[in-house]
Each structure stands twice: as structure tokens, then as C-alpha cells.
């Protein structure tokens, strides 16, 4: 956790390899849903499908009887408490969904937080892609606000990416395999307004 905090303070983002061990990843992968919804983008009542911008599918996560999911959410709570302790961000709650990118799916460059609606403060992306190899696509590209590429992150199994939502535009390159992740956001206290169904 210290490396995460130090990286967020110094760089604003962190790539955490082996966040979960292979057994835990396998258990979480078993909880991947069989039913999916087409991801959408927009504001409140104007939420619309926008497959020219993004083409992934999602399913929102809630605490239930899935032990692996609850364990993952417990770990996110540990991150929330630690970040609040050292960075004073006032993170209040965490929301997340499974994301599935089928071959040909992508997500164009975007920010997770809009001006005047900055309720998402810290983004997380966790990958569950066993045997991913170069050529499978689906990498996460992370930019700074000057549009300079900072990281090209392969979506390998067990890897967690954490970054400040307002500071890092990012995109998902076209996937050539079924690519699975959990996208999540720590929010500050406020009215839930369904700004975006953003996934990674």
C-alpha cells in the first residue's frame, strides 16, 4: 500500500502488478457474469449508446453471496481508507462494474470526470485476462493533460491500475480477444447522478 500512496503523491497513478494472486484471480474470474449490457455514455437523462466512442459491455457490481467479489470490494475499501488518510481526498464510496471487450471492441480517449461534475476522484482498473500476450490488444493508454502518452498498460491478469480521475485521459485499444476487467471509481460525497457508464 505504501508504494501506491507514494506513486499517487509523486505521479498521480500507479500500476500494481500481482495485486491478487492467481488463485484469487481465478475465483474472481468465476464470478464474471454471463449477462451483459451495452455500455453507454452521456449525462443523466441523455445517456445513450455511443458505439462509435465505445463498444464494450458492462455489468454493475454489488455485494452479494459471491465471496470473491466481496473480497475484492473489501480490498477497495482498504485503498479508500489509506488514500483518505494520506492524501485527504475525502473519498466517500466506491462503485464498480465488470467490463467485457469482445474482439473489435474499444474505448476512445476520455476523462472519467467532467468539469463541474467532478464526483469521481480516483479510478481503478483490475484485469483478469489469463494468458494475455502481445498481439491480443486491449491495452490501456494513459495520457497527461497535455496529451503526452505516459503508459501503455497491457491488461494482464492480476494487474491493478489506479489513477486520479481528473488528471489522466485514457483509452482502450481495440481488443482481439475477449478481454475482462473490473472498472471502478472512488467518489466524493454527493448526489449520484449517473454521469457516465465508463469502463476500461
Protein backbone atom coordinates (compact mmCIF):
# COMPACT_ATOMS: atom_id res chain seq x y z
CA UNK A 1 0.00 0.00 0.00
CA UNK A 2 2.94 2.35 0.66
CA UNK A 3 4.04 2.10 -2.99
CA UNK A 4 0.55 3.04 -4.11
CA UNK A 5 0.40 6.08 -1.85
CA UNK A 6 3.90 7.21 -2.84
CA UNK A 7 3.12 6.84 -6.54
CA UNK A 8 -0.15 8.75 -6.28
CA UNK A 9 1.62 11.58 -4.46
CA UNK A 10 4.54 11.64 -6.91
CA UNK A 11 2.98 10.75 -10.25
CA UNK A 12 -0.80 10.59 -9.75
CA UNK A 13 -1.06 6.99 -10.96
CA UNK A 14 0.22 3.51 -10.16
CA UNK A 15 0.43 0.16 -11.95
CA UNK A 16 0.22 -2.55 -9.29
CA UNK A 17 1.30 -5.95 -10.61
CA UNK A 18 0.12 -9.10 -8.81
CA UNK A 19 -2.47 -7.18 -6.83
CA UNK A 20 -4.24 -10.52 -6.45
CA UNK A 21 -2.61 -13.94 -6.52
CA UNK A 22 -3.56 -16.38 -9.32
CA UNK A 23 -5.97 -18.35 -7.11
CA UNK A 24 -7.86 -15.19 -6.10
CA UNK A 25 -7.97 -14.00 -9.70
CA UNK A 26 -9.36 -17.37 -10.80
CA UNK A 27 -12.08 -17.17 -8.13
CA UNK A 28 -12.97 -13.66 -9.24
CA UNK A 29 -12.99 -14.73 -12.87
CA UNK A 30 -15.58 -17.38 -11.99
CA UNK A 31 -17.86 -14.54 -10.84
CA UNK A 32 -17.77 -12.86 -14.26
CA UNK A 33 -21.44 -12.52 -15.31
CA UNK A 34 -22.98 -14.29 -18.25
CA UNK A 35 -25.40 -11.44 -18.98
CA UNK A 36 -24.11 -8.08 -20.23
CA UNK A 37 -25.45 -4.65 -21.11
CA UNK A 38 -24.12 -2.43 -23.86
CA UNK A 39 -22.11 0.35 -22.23
CA UNK A 40 -23.42 3.90 -22.68
CA UNK A 41 -22.05 7.40 -22.37
CA UNK A 42 -23.75 10.69 -21.60
CA UNK A 43 -25.30 12.77 -18.84
CA UNK A 44 -28.31 11.81 -16.76
CA UNK A 45 -31.41 11.54 -18.96
CA UNK A 46 -29.25 11.90 -22.08
CA UNK A 47 -27.46 8.59 -21.54
CA UNK A 48 -27.22 6.98 -24.94
CA UNK A 49 -25.42 4.15 -26.64
CA UNK A 50 -22.36 5.51 -28.39
CA UNK A 51 -20.72 2.58 -30.12
CA UNK A 52 -18.52 4.86 -32.22
CA UNK A 53 -16.89 6.02 -28.99
CA UNK A 54 -17.02 2.79 -27.00
CA UNK A 55 -18.25 -0.70 -27.77
CA UNK A 56 -17.68 -2.64 -24.54
CA UNK A 57 -20.30 -4.40 -22.42
CA UNK A 58 -20.73 -4.00 -18.66
CA UNK A 59 -22.47 -5.35 -15.58
CA UNK A 60 -22.50 -3.33 -12.35
CA UNK A 61 -21.14 -4.97 -9.20
CA UNK A 62 -22.98 -5.22 -5.91
CA UNK A 63 -22.16 -7.03 -2.70
CA UNK A 64 -23.84 -10.42 -2.67
CA UNK A 65 -23.02 -14.02 -1.87
CA UNK A 66 -20.04 -14.07 -4.24
CA UNK A 67 -17.14 -14.36 -1.80
CA UNK A 68 -14.55 -13.35 -4.40
CA UNK A 69 -16.46 -10.17 -5.30
CA UNK A 70 -16.93 -9.21 -1.65
CA UNK A 71 -13.22 -9.82 -1.02
CA UNK A 72 -12.33 -7.53 -3.93
CA UNK A 73 -14.63 -4.81 -2.60
CA UNK A 74 -13.05 -5.21 0.85
CA UNK A 75 -9.64 -4.55 -0.70
CA UNK A 76 -11.01 -1.45 -2.41
CA UNK A 77 -12.25 -0.25 0.96
CA UNK A 78 -8.72 -0.64 2.35
CA UNK A 79 -7.44 1.51 -0.51
CA UNK A 80 -10.14 4.12 0.13
CA UNK A 81 -9.20 4.40 3.81
CA UNK A 82 -5.46 4.58 3.10
CA UNK A 83 -5.82 7.21 0.37
CA UNK A 84 -8.04 9.33 2.60
CA UNK A 85 -5.55 9.01 5.44
CA UNK A 86 -2.57 10.21 3.42
CA UNK A 87 -3.99 12.25 0.53
CA UNK A 88 -7.08 13.75 2.21
CA UNK A 89 -9.26 13.26 -0.88
CA UNK A 90 -12.46 12.74 1.07
CA UNK A 91 -13.35 9.58 -0.85
CA UNK A 92 -16.81 8.54 0.28
CA UNK A 93 -17.88 5.48 -1.71
CA UNK A 94 -16.78 3.06 -4.40
CA UNK A 95 -18.71 1.96 -7.49
CA UNK A 96 -17.54 -0.64 -9.99
CA UNK A 97 -18.60 -2.87 -12.83
CA UNK A 98 -17.31 -5.84 -14.76
CA UNK A 99 -16.34 -4.92 -18.32
CA UNK A 100 -16.11 -7.20 -21.33
CA UNK A 101 -14.37 -6.25 -24.56
CA UNK A 102 -15.09 -8.70 -27.34
CA UNK A 103 -12.84 -8.87 -30.43
CA UNK A 104 -13.11 -5.50 -32.17
CA UNK A 105 -14.25 -3.58 -29.07
CA UNK A 106 -12.50 -0.38 -27.97
CA UNK A 107 -12.95 2.85 -26.00
CA UNK A 108 -11.71 6.17 -27.35
CA UNK A 109 -9.72 8.64 -25.26
CA UNK A 110 -11.71 10.23 -22.42
CA UNK A 111 -11.61 11.55 -18.87
CA UNK A 112 -13.59 9.89 -16.09
CA UNK A 113 -14.59 13.23 -14.57
CA UNK A 114 -16.29 16.21 -16.22
CA UNK A 115 -15.74 19.85 -15.34
CA UNK A 116 -18.37 20.93 -12.85
CA UNK A 117 -19.25 17.30 -12.08
CA UNK A 118 -16.01 16.06 -10.54
CA UNK A 119 -17.52 13.46 -8.23
CA UNK A 120 -15.25 10.66 -9.41
CA UNK A 121 -11.81 11.29 -7.91
CA UNK A 122 -9.84 8.04 -8.18
CA UNK A 123 -10.15 5.42 -10.92
CA UNK A 124 -9.24 1.74 -10.62
CA UNK A 125 -8.94 -0.91 -13.33
CA UNK A 126 -8.31 -4.56 -12.50
CA UNK A 127 -7.53 -7.18 -15.15
CA UNK A 128 -8.50 -10.87 -15.28
CA UNK A 129 -7.04 -11.93 -18.64
CA UNK A 130 -5.20 -15.19 -18.17
CA UNK A 131 -2.61 -15.97 -20.86
CA UNK A 132 -2.81 -12.47 -22.39
CA UNK A 133 0.02 -11.98 -24.89
CA UNK A 134 1.28 -9.20 -27.14
CA UNK A 135 -0.96 -9.05 -30.17
CA UNK A 136 -4.14 -9.70 -28.16
CA UNK A 137 -4.74 -5.93 -27.96
CA UNK A 138 -6.87 -4.16 -25.39
CA UNK A 139 -4.01 -2.19 -23.82
CA UNK A 140 -4.83 0.84 -21.67
CA UNK A 141 -3.14 4.03 -22.84
CA UNK A 142 -2.71 6.68 -20.13
CA UNK A 143 -2.02 10.32 -21.09
CA UNK A 144 -1.33 13.52 -19.21
CA UNK A 145 -3.44 16.65 -19.69
CA UNK A 146 -1.01 17.85 -22.37
CA UNK A 147 -1.86 14.73 -24.42
CA UNK A 148 1.53 13.12 -23.85
CA UNK A 149 1.46 9.32 -23.59
CA UNK A 150 2.65 8.21 -20.15
CA UNK A 151 1.96 4.48 -20.06
CA UNK A 152 0.85 1.65 -22.33
CA UNK A 153 -0.53 -0.91 -19.90
CA UNK A 154 -1.10 -4.50 -21.05
CA UNK A 155 -4.26 -5.95 -19.43
CA UNK A 156 -2.51 -8.92 -17.84
CA UNK A 157 -4.17 -11.00 -15.16
CA UNK A 158 -3.82 -9.75 -11.58
CA UNK A 159 -2.77 -6.21 -12.50
CA UNK A 160 -4.45 -3.18 -10.91
CA UNK A 161 -4.14 0.35 -12.32
CA UNK A 162 -5.03 3.32 -10.08
CA UNK A 163 -5.04 6.97 -11.16
CA UNK A 164 -6.53 10.36 -10.32
CA UNK A 165 -9.68 10.59 -12.42
CA UNK A 166 -9.41 14.30 -13.27
CA UNK A 167 -5.77 14.22 -14.35
CA UNK A 168 -5.35 11.37 -16.83
CA UNK A 169 -7.18 10.99 -20.16
CA UNK A 170 -7.04 7.35 -21.24
CA UNK A 171 -8.25 4.96 -23.90
CA UNK A 172 -8.57 1.24 -24.53
CA UNK A 173 -7.06 -0.04 -27.76
CA UNK A 174 -9.04 -2.47 -29.88
CA UNK A 175 -9.13 -5.90 -28.31
CA UNK A 176 -8.59 -9.01 -30.40
CA UNK A 177 -9.75 -11.44 -27.72
CA UNK A 178 -12.43 -11.50 -25.05
CA UNK A 179 -10.92 -9.10 -22.51
CA UNK A 180 -12.23 -8.86 -18.95
CA UNK A 181 -11.71 -6.22 -16.28
CA UNK A 182 -13.29 -4.50 -13.31
CA UNK A 183 -13.52 -0.73 -13.68
CA UNK A 184 -14.18 1.26 -10.53
CA UNK A 185 -14.30 4.78 -9.15
CA UNK A 186 -13.95 6.25 -5.70
CA UNK A 187 -16.40 9.12 -5.37
CA UNK A 188 -16.68 12.07 -3.05
CA UNK A 189 -19.91 12.53 -1.10
CA UNK A 190 -22.71 13.96 -3.22
CA UNK A 191 -25.74 13.16 -5.30
CA UNK A 192 -25.34 10.13 -7.54
CA UNK A 193 -26.11 11.46 -11.00
CA UNK A 194 -25.29 8.63 -13.43
CA UNK A 195 -22.86 10.79 -15.36
CA UNK A 196 -21.11 8.01 -17.22
CA UNK A 197 -21.08 4.27 -17.56
CA UNK A 198 -17.33 4.32 -18.09
CA UNK A 199 -15.46 1.06 -18.34
CA UNK A 200 -11.89 0.04 -19.07
